[in-house]
Protein backbone atom coordinates (compact mmCIF):
# COMPACT_ATOMS: atom_id res chain seq x y z
CA MET A 1 6.96 6.43 25.19
CA GLU A 2 3.84 4.30 25.63
CA ILE A 3 4.46 2.24 22.51
CA LEU A 4 7.96 1.20 23.58
CA ARG A 5 6.80 0.32 27.10
CA LEU A 6 4.22 -2.00 25.60
CA ALA A 7 6.85 -3.64 23.41
CA SER A 8 9.21 -4.31 26.30
CA ARG A 9 6.66 -6.54 28.04
CA GLU A 10 5.75 -8.72 25.06
CA ALA A 11 7.22 -11.31 22.70
CA PRO A 12 8.75 -10.05 19.43
CA LEU A 13 6.16 -9.22 16.80
CA ASP A 14 5.86 -11.08 13.50
CA CYS A 15 4.08 -8.27 11.67
CA ILE A 16 3.03 -4.68 12.27
CA ALA A 17 0.50 -2.97 10.02
CA SER A 18 -0.16 0.73 9.58
CA VAL A 19 -3.51 2.14 8.46
CA VAL A 20 -4.10 5.82 7.70
CA LEU A 21 -7.66 7.12 8.14
CA TYR A 22 -9.41 10.16 6.73
CA LYS A 23 -13.13 10.39 7.42
CA ASN A 24 -13.69 6.72 6.62
CA PRO A 25 -17.01 5.02 7.46
CA PRO A 26 -17.01 3.09 10.77
CA GLU A 27 -17.91 -0.20 9.06
CA MET A 28 -14.94 0.12 6.70
CA ILE A 29 -12.58 0.83 9.60
CA GLU A 30 -13.85 -2.15 11.60
CA ASN A 31 -13.47 -4.44 8.56
CA VAL A 32 -9.82 -3.57 8.02
CA ILE A 33 -9.00 -3.78 11.75
CA SER A 34 -10.70 -7.13 12.35
CA SER A 35 -9.45 -8.74 9.13
CA PHE A 36 -5.81 -7.86 9.89
CA LEU A 37 -5.97 -8.87 13.56
CA ASP A 38 -7.55 -12.22 12.65
CA SER A 39 -4.14 -13.87 12.37
CA LYS A 40 -2.30 -16.73 14.03
CA LEU A 41 0.87 -14.62 14.07
CA ASN A 42 1.88 -12.10 16.72
CA VAL A 43 0.68 -8.86 15.14
CA ARG A 44 -0.06 -5.26 16.08
CA LEU A 45 -1.92 -2.53 14.22
CA TYR A 46 -1.07 1.16 14.20
CA ILE A 47 -3.89 3.52 13.23
CA VAL A 48 -3.00 7.08 12.27
CA ASP A 49 -6.04 9.33 11.93
CA ASN A 50 -5.73 12.31 9.57
CA SER A 51 -9.41 13.25 9.99
CA PRO A 52 -10.52 16.76 11.04
CA THR A 53 -11.83 15.39 14.35
CA PRO A 54 -10.77 12.25 16.25
CA LEU A 55 -12.78 9.09 15.77
CA SER A 56 -14.21 6.93 18.50
CA LEU A 57 -12.76 3.44 18.05
CA SER A 58 -13.30 0.39 20.24
CA LEU A 59 -9.78 -1.05 20.63
CA GLU A 60 -9.98 -2.45 24.16
CA ASN A 61 -8.18 -5.80 24.47
CA ARG A 62 -7.02 -5.60 20.86
CA PRO A 63 -3.36 -5.28 19.81
CA ALA A 64 -3.92 -1.89 18.19
CA PHE A 65 -2.67 1.64 18.83
CA TYR A 66 -4.59 4.77 17.76
CA HIS A 67 -2.93 8.11 17.08
CA TYR A 68 -4.87 11.25 16.17
CA ALA A 69 -2.61 13.38 13.98
CA GLY A 70 -4.58 16.62 14.41
CA GLN A 71 -4.09 17.47 10.74
CA ASN A 72 -4.05 15.80 7.33
CA LEU A 73 -0.41 14.72 7.09
CA GLY A 74 -0.91 12.98 3.76
CA TYR A 75 -0.69 9.26 3.07
CA GLY A 76 3.05 8.61 3.18
CA LYS A 77 3.92 10.98 6.01
CA ALA A 78 1.20 9.49 8.21
CA HIS A 79 2.49 5.96 7.57
CA ASN A 80 5.99 7.22 8.41
CA TRP A 81 4.70 8.14 11.87
CA SER A 82 4.10 4.42 12.47
CA ILE A 83 7.26 3.25 10.71
CA GLN A 84 9.45 5.52 12.82
CA ARG A 85 7.84 4.61 16.17
CA CYS A 86 6.90 0.96 15.90
CA GLU A 87 8.35 -1.89 17.90
CA PRO A 88 10.75 -4.38 16.31
CA ALA A 89 8.96 -6.73 13.93
CA LYS A 90 10.07 -8.93 11.06
CA TYR A 91 7.48 -7.57 8.62
CA PHE A 92 5.59 -4.31 8.17
CA LEU A 93 2.33 -4.01 6.23
CA ILE A 94 1.31 -0.71 4.64
CA LEU A 95 -2.44 -1.01 4.41
CA ASN A 96 -5.35 0.98 3.00
CA PRO A 97 -8.46 1.39 5.19
CA ASP A 98 -10.65 0.19 2.29
CA VAL A 99 -9.05 -3.27 2.28
CA ILE A 100 -10.44 -6.52 3.69
CA ILE A 101 -7.79 -9.19 4.21
CA SER A 102 -8.79 -12.80 3.60
CA LYS A 103 -7.95 -15.29 6.34
CA GLY A 104 -4.44 -16.71 6.10
CA VAL A 105 -3.00 -13.99 3.88
CA ILE A 106 -0.60 -12.57 6.48
CA GLU A 107 0.67 -16.04 7.37
CA GLU A 108 1.28 -17.10 3.76
CA LEU A 109 2.99 -13.86 2.73
CA SER A 110 5.23 -14.11 5.80
CA GLN A 111 6.19 -17.66 4.83
CA TYR A 112 6.88 -16.56 1.26
CA LEU A 113 9.28 -13.84 2.40
CA ASP A 114 10.87 -16.30 4.86
CA ARG A 115 11.67 -18.58 1.90
CA ASN A 116 12.81 -15.81 -0.45
CA PRO A 117 15.37 -13.47 1.17
CA GLU A 118 15.94 -11.61 -2.11
CA VAL A 119 12.33 -10.31 -2.04
CA GLY A 120 11.81 -7.12 -0.05
CA MET A 121 8.14 -6.44 -0.71
CA VAL A 122 5.20 -8.56 -1.82
CA CYS A 123 1.56 -7.93 -2.75
CA PRO A 124 -1.24 -10.52 -3.19
CA ARG A 125 -3.99 -10.74 -5.78
CA VAL A 126 -6.38 -7.78 -5.33
CA LEU A 127 -10.10 -8.25 -5.98
CA ASN A 128 -13.12 -5.99 -6.25
CA LYS A 129 -16.11 -6.56 -3.98
CA ASP A 130 -17.69 -8.72 -6.73
CA ASN A 131 -14.51 -10.87 -6.88
CA THR A 132 -13.36 -9.49 -10.22
CA LEU A 133 -9.66 -8.77 -10.55
CA GLN A 134 -8.09 -5.34 -10.07
CA TYR A 135 -5.19 -4.71 -12.46
CA LEU A 136 -2.95 -2.84 -10.03
CA ASN A 137 0.47 -4.23 -11.02
CA LYS A 138 2.26 -1.60 -13.08
CA ARG A 139 5.49 -0.92 -14.88
CA GLN A 140 7.43 2.27 -14.16
CA PRO A 141 5.27 5.34 -14.91
CA ASN A 142 5.67 7.46 -18.01
CA LEU A 143 3.73 10.48 -19.20
CA MET A 144 1.91 8.81 -22.09
CA ASP A 145 0.62 5.85 -20.10
CA LEU A 146 -0.53 8.08 -17.23
CA PHE A 147 -2.37 10.35 -19.66
CA LEU A 148 -4.12 7.41 -21.35
CA ARG A 149 -5.02 5.81 -18.03
CA ARG A 150 -6.38 9.07 -16.61
CA PHE A 151 -8.55 10.17 -19.55
CA TYR A 152 -9.28 7.12 -21.70
CA VAL A 153 -9.24 4.12 -19.40
CA SER A 154 -12.86 3.17 -20.13
CA LYS A 155 -13.13 4.57 -23.67
CA ILE A 156 -10.27 3.05 -25.63
CA THR A 157 -11.30 1.55 -28.95
CA VAL A 158 -7.96 1.86 -30.78
CA ASP A 159 -6.18 -1.49 -30.44
CA ALA A 160 -2.70 0.03 -30.28
CA LEU A 161 -3.63 2.30 -27.38
CA LYS A 162 -5.36 -0.51 -25.51
CA ARG A 163 -2.30 -2.73 -25.94
CA ARG A 164 -0.17 0.05 -24.53
CA LEU A 165 -2.30 0.36 -21.40
CA ASP A 166 -2.40 -3.42 -21.03
CA HIS A 167 1.41 -3.36 -21.11
CA TYR A 168 1.53 -0.65 -18.41
CA GLU A 169 -0.82 -2.68 -16.20
CA MET A 170 1.22 -5.84 -16.88
CA ARG A 171 -1.73 -7.67 -18.41
CA ASP A 172 0.69 -9.03 -21.01
CA VAL A 173 2.53 -10.85 -18.19
CA GLY A 174 -0.74 -11.88 -16.59
CA TYR A 175 -2.01 -12.15 -13.03
CA GLN A 176 -1.86 -15.94 -12.62
CA ASP A 177 1.79 -16.46 -11.67
CA ILE A 178 4.41 -14.98 -9.36
CA HIS A 179 6.44 -12.23 -11.03
CA GLU A 180 8.34 -9.05 -10.26
CA VAL A 181 6.39 -5.78 -10.35
CA PRO A 182 8.24 -2.46 -10.82
CA PHE A 183 5.38 -0.34 -9.38
CA MET A 184 3.54 -1.97 -6.47
CA THR A 185 0.12 -0.75 -5.33
CA GLY A 186 0.13 1.29 -2.13
CA ALA A 187 -3.11 -0.35 -1.00
CA PHE A 188 -1.21 -3.35 0.38
CA MET A 189 2.60 -3.39 0.60
CA PHE A 190 3.94 -6.27 2.70
CA CYS A 191 7.54 -5.28 3.47
CA ARG A 192 10.64 -6.45 5.27
CA THR A 193 10.79 -3.97 8.14
CA HIS A 194 14.55 -3.53 8.11
CA VAL A 195 14.49 -2.62 4.40
CA LEU A 196 11.57 -0.25 4.89
CA LYS A 197 13.47 1.53 7.66
CA LYS A 198 16.71 1.52 5.68
CA VAL A 199 15.14 3.42 2.78
CA GLY A 200 13.49 5.86 5.21
CA GLY A 201 9.90 4.83 4.58
CA PHE A 202 7.89 7.07 2.28
CA ASP A 203 9.22 10.28 0.78
CA PRO A 204 7.12 12.91 2.64
CA ARG A 205 7.17 15.21 -0.41
CA PHE A 206 4.40 13.04 -1.90
CA PHE A 207 1.21 14.09 -0.13
CA MET A 208 -0.77 11.41 -1.98
CA TYR A 209 -0.20 9.37 -5.17
CA PHE A 210 3.15 8.11 -6.54
CA GLU A 211 4.47 7.51 -3.02
CA ASP A 212 4.01 3.78 -3.73
CA ALA A 213 5.88 3.98 -7.05
CA ASP A 214 8.67 5.86 -5.29
CA LEU A 215 8.89 3.36 -2.42
CA SER A 216 8.93 0.41 -4.83
CA ARG A 217 11.82 1.99 -6.66
CA LYS A 218 13.76 2.63 -3.44
CA PHE A 219 13.45 -1.06 -2.50
CA GLN A 220 14.71 -2.07 -5.95
CA ASN A 221 17.64 0.33 -5.67
CA GLU A 222 18.64 -1.48 -2.47
CA GLY A 223 18.81 -4.72 -4.45
CA TYR A 224 15.48 -6.22 -3.30
CA LYS A 225 12.76 -7.56 -5.58
CA THR A 226 9.18 -6.31 -5.39
CA VAL A 227 6.93 -9.25 -6.22
CA TYR A 228 3.31 -10.12 -6.98
CA TYR A 229 2.08 -13.28 -5.25
CA PRO A 230 -1.30 -14.44 -6.68
CA TYR A 231 -2.06 -17.43 -4.44
CA VAL A 232 -3.80 -15.41 -1.74
CA ASN A 233 -6.11 -12.45 -2.15
CA ILE A 234 -7.51 -9.34 -0.52
CA THR A 235 -10.62 -7.28 -1.32
CA HIS A 236 -10.07 -3.62 -2.16
CA LEU A 237 -13.09 -1.28 -2.18
CA TRP A 238 -11.39 0.91 -4.76
CA GLN A 239 -12.96 4.29 -5.56
CA ARG A 240 -10.37 5.92 -7.89
CA GLU A 241 -10.89 9.38 -6.43
CA SER A 242 -8.42 10.99 -8.86
CA GLN A 243 -10.84 10.08 -11.67
CA LYS A 244 -13.88 11.55 -9.90
CA ARG A 245 -12.82 14.74 -8.12
CA LEU A 246 -10.97 17.69 -9.60
CA THR A 247 -9.04 18.35 -6.37
CA MET A 248 -7.69 14.79 -6.27
CA ALA A 249 -6.82 14.94 -9.97
CA PHE A 250 -4.79 18.08 -9.27
CA ILE A 251 -2.97 16.36 -6.37
CA PHE A 252 -2.31 13.41 -8.70
CA MET A 253 -0.69 15.69 -11.29
CA ILE A 254 1.45 17.52 -8.70
CA SER A 255 2.69 14.22 -7.27
CA GLY A 256 3.40 12.95 -10.77
CA MET A 257 5.55 15.99 -11.49
CA LYS A 258 7.47 15.42 -8.23
CA TYR A 259 8.01 11.79 -9.14
CA PHE A 260 9.42 12.57 -12.60
CA GLN A 261 11.51 15.40 -11.20
CA LYS A 262 13.06 12.91 -8.76
CA TRP A 263 13.52 9.91 -11.04
CA GLY A 264 13.75 11.50 -14.49
CA TRP A 265 11.14 12.50 -17.05
CA LYS A 266 10.00 9.72 -19.34
CA LEU A 267 7.60 10.47 -22.17
CA TYR A 268 6.75 6.89 -23.21
């Protein structure tokens, strides 16, 4: 296999990242590629393209591997393609294509995991393009919180309901200090590779949505903490497609049902 032949000629990798594409703009793709590869560590990027037609990417002389899937495998299954085939590396980054990584993030997160062997997965502070904070840390999902977040996220005037959503998004804990997060965002999951492989990567039954909640839970079941680290940041060009398109909202609901069927139904 070409990937393994490449690995046999090179020094061990510090970090591998996987990005899954689906009809993303060229500028967005270049931003995520260049921001990840701009690292002092020995890194490699795997790009899995779920688009209807293959993209033309300029990867010459860059430590990146492009794979055209030929179909839309879904988010988790496409990342699994990389997880199952990658070379040995200490850390594995699951990365959204709409993310821009600030300089030094990969190095500092690697050092944090080096110092904290009980932590299996870490995520930095996540910012919008205007540098405002995204509240992506979440407690374990339940039906009531998901309903409120889906239909009333920008319209809540009842204090009790707003407090409930703030609790789900861990605003009561805050975003200033390091703390454990039950449900890590799938936009940026910096993992110990051996733990990621041990749990089998993503559950392929989740086409999109809740695969990150499921993976977080699998890490925790193996005895590893999933942690928020606020001292470095990334930019996430978040679009919340499930709020805008009926098709994505339907996929969100189907994945939610699969999640609760797997882990148990929880009303509130």
